[in-house]
Amino acid sequence: MCIWKPLQTQLDEYYRLPKCQRWGKANSYYGLTTFAYDYGPSWPMTFREKLATNLRRLREERGLSQEEFAELADLHRTYISMIERQTRNPTVDVLEKICLALGVELGDLFK
């Protein structure tokens, strides 16, 4: 396979992959690429992605498992897991519980 495909062709093939398989596939699939997959996505993260990433990071920084954190936040462990996997949209009330359990401001979850 030629690694110097036109950029649009590479992007079309990349977006045909399911979202969960896109990250890390570009380098192994195309070998040497001419665009910046090595440095992470160049498109902005959605609020759901920011929330999931920051929730996991803040929870792990405090050394909490999902189960321990869920107990602190008075939520179910599977609900925390679903937020971190971006399959649930938490309400404002749930975000308030998460912020209180982590000891952060709401804006810190979306930075």
Protein backbone atom coordinates (compact mmCIF):
# COMPACT_ATOMS: atom_id res chain seq x y z
CA MET A 1 0.00 0.00 0.00
CA CYS A 2 1.31 3.43 -0.89
CA ILE A 3 1.77 5.62 2.18
CA TRP A 4 1.52 8.83 0.16
CA LYS A 5 -2.21 8.72 -0.47
CA PRO A 6 -3.89 12.08 -0.88
CA LEU A 7 -4.84 13.57 2.47
CA GLN A 8 -8.58 13.41 1.76
CA THR A 9 -8.36 9.66 1.06
CA GLN A 10 -6.56 9.08 4.36
CA LEU A 11 -9.12 11.14 6.25
CA ASP A 12 -12.02 9.31 4.59
CA GLU A 13 -10.59 5.94 5.63
CA TYR A 14 -9.86 7.22 9.14
CA TYR A 15 -13.45 8.40 9.69
CA ARG A 16 -14.87 5.09 8.46
CA LEU A 17 -13.38 3.47 11.59
CA PRO A 18 -15.62 3.39 14.67
CA LYS A 19 -14.74 6.23 17.03
CA CYS A 20 -13.36 3.85 19.67
CA GLN A 21 -10.83 2.45 17.15
CA ARG A 22 -9.62 5.71 15.61
CA TRP A 23 -7.07 6.76 18.19
CA GLY A 24 -3.74 5.03 17.63
CA LYS A 25 -4.86 3.33 14.42
CA ALA A 26 -3.54 5.98 12.08
CA ASN A 27 0.12 5.33 12.80
CA SER A 28 -0.10 1.55 12.67
CA TYR A 29 -2.42 1.53 9.68
CA TYR A 30 -0.67 4.08 7.50
CA GLY A 31 2.91 3.72 8.73
CA LEU A 32 4.47 7.11 8.18
CA THR A 33 1.77 9.71 7.83
CA THR A 34 1.92 13.26 6.59
CA PHE A 35 -0.50 14.64 9.15
CA ALA A 36 -0.48 15.02 12.91
CA TYR A 37 -1.98 11.83 14.34
CA ASP A 38 1.16 11.36 16.45
CA TYR A 39 0.31 14.44 18.47
CA GLY A 40 -3.34 13.75 19.21
CA PRO A 41 -6.53 14.89 17.56
CA SER A 42 -6.49 18.34 16.02
CA TRP A 43 -10.24 18.85 16.39
CA PRO A 44 -11.65 20.29 19.64
CA MET A 45 -12.98 17.90 22.24
CA THR A 46 -16.70 17.90 22.93
CA PHE A 47 -17.93 18.79 26.42
CA ARG A 48 -18.75 15.12 27.00
CA GLU A 49 -15.17 14.12 26.10
CA LYS A 50 -13.72 16.84 28.33
CA LEU A 51 -15.93 15.78 31.22
CA ALA A 52 -15.04 12.11 30.83
CA THR A 53 -11.31 12.79 30.54
CA ASN A 54 -11.17 15.20 33.45
CA LEU A 55 -13.40 13.10 35.70
CA ARG A 56 -11.16 10.06 35.23
CA ARG A 57 -7.98 12.13 35.67
CA LEU A 58 -9.20 13.87 38.84
CA ARG A 59 -10.51 10.61 40.31
CA GLU A 60 -7.23 8.80 39.64
CA GLU A 61 -5.16 11.73 40.99
CA ARG A 62 -6.96 11.24 44.30
CA GLY A 63 -6.30 7.49 44.20
CA LEU A 64 -9.98 6.57 44.11
CA SER A 65 -11.49 3.59 42.35
CA GLN A 66 -14.80 4.07 40.57
CA GLU A 67 -16.52 2.24 43.39
CA GLU A 68 -14.94 4.41 46.12
CA PHE A 69 -15.68 7.58 44.19
CA ALA A 70 -19.27 6.54 43.52
CA GLU A 71 -19.79 6.02 47.24
CA LEU A 72 -18.38 9.49 48.01
CA ALA A 73 -20.59 11.09 45.36
CA ASP A 74 -23.66 9.05 46.36
CA LEU A 75 -23.96 7.62 42.84
CA HIS A 76 -23.83 4.09 41.44
CA ARG A 77 -20.46 2.74 40.27
CA THR A 78 -21.80 1.82 36.85
CA TYR A 79 -23.11 5.37 36.38
CA ILE A 80 -19.60 6.76 37.00
CA SER A 81 -18.25 4.23 34.52
CA MET A 82 -20.81 5.26 31.91
CA ILE A 83 -19.93 8.95 32.34
CA GLU A 84 -16.23 8.14 31.89
CA ARG A 85 -17.05 6.08 28.78
CA GLN A 86 -19.21 8.93 27.42
CA THR A 87 -22.39 6.87 27.25
CA ARG A 88 -24.33 8.96 29.81
CA ASN A 89 -25.08 12.67 30.02
CA PRO A 90 -25.10 13.67 33.68
CA THR A 91 -27.60 16.23 34.93
CA VAL A 92 -26.64 19.40 36.77
CA ASP A 93 -27.51 17.71 40.06
CA VAL A 94 -25.15 14.81 39.28
CA LEU A 95 -22.40 17.23 38.26
CA GLU A 96 -22.84 19.01 41.58
CA LYS A 97 -22.41 15.70 43.46
CA ILE A 98 -19.29 14.92 41.41
CA CYS A 99 -17.78 18.34 42.12
CA LEU A 100 -18.46 18.07 45.86
CA ALA A 101 -16.93 14.58 46.01
CA LEU A 102 -13.82 15.71 44.12
CA GLY A 103 -13.57 19.08 45.88
CA VAL A 104 -13.40 21.03 42.59
CA GLU A 105 -15.37 23.75 40.86
CA LEU A 106 -17.69 22.84 38.00
CA GLY A 107 -15.43 24.61 35.49
CA ASP A 108 -12.54 22.31 36.41
CA LEU A 109 -14.43 19.38 34.90
CA PHE A 110 -14.54 21.10 31.50
CA LYS A 111 -11.02 22.53 31.18
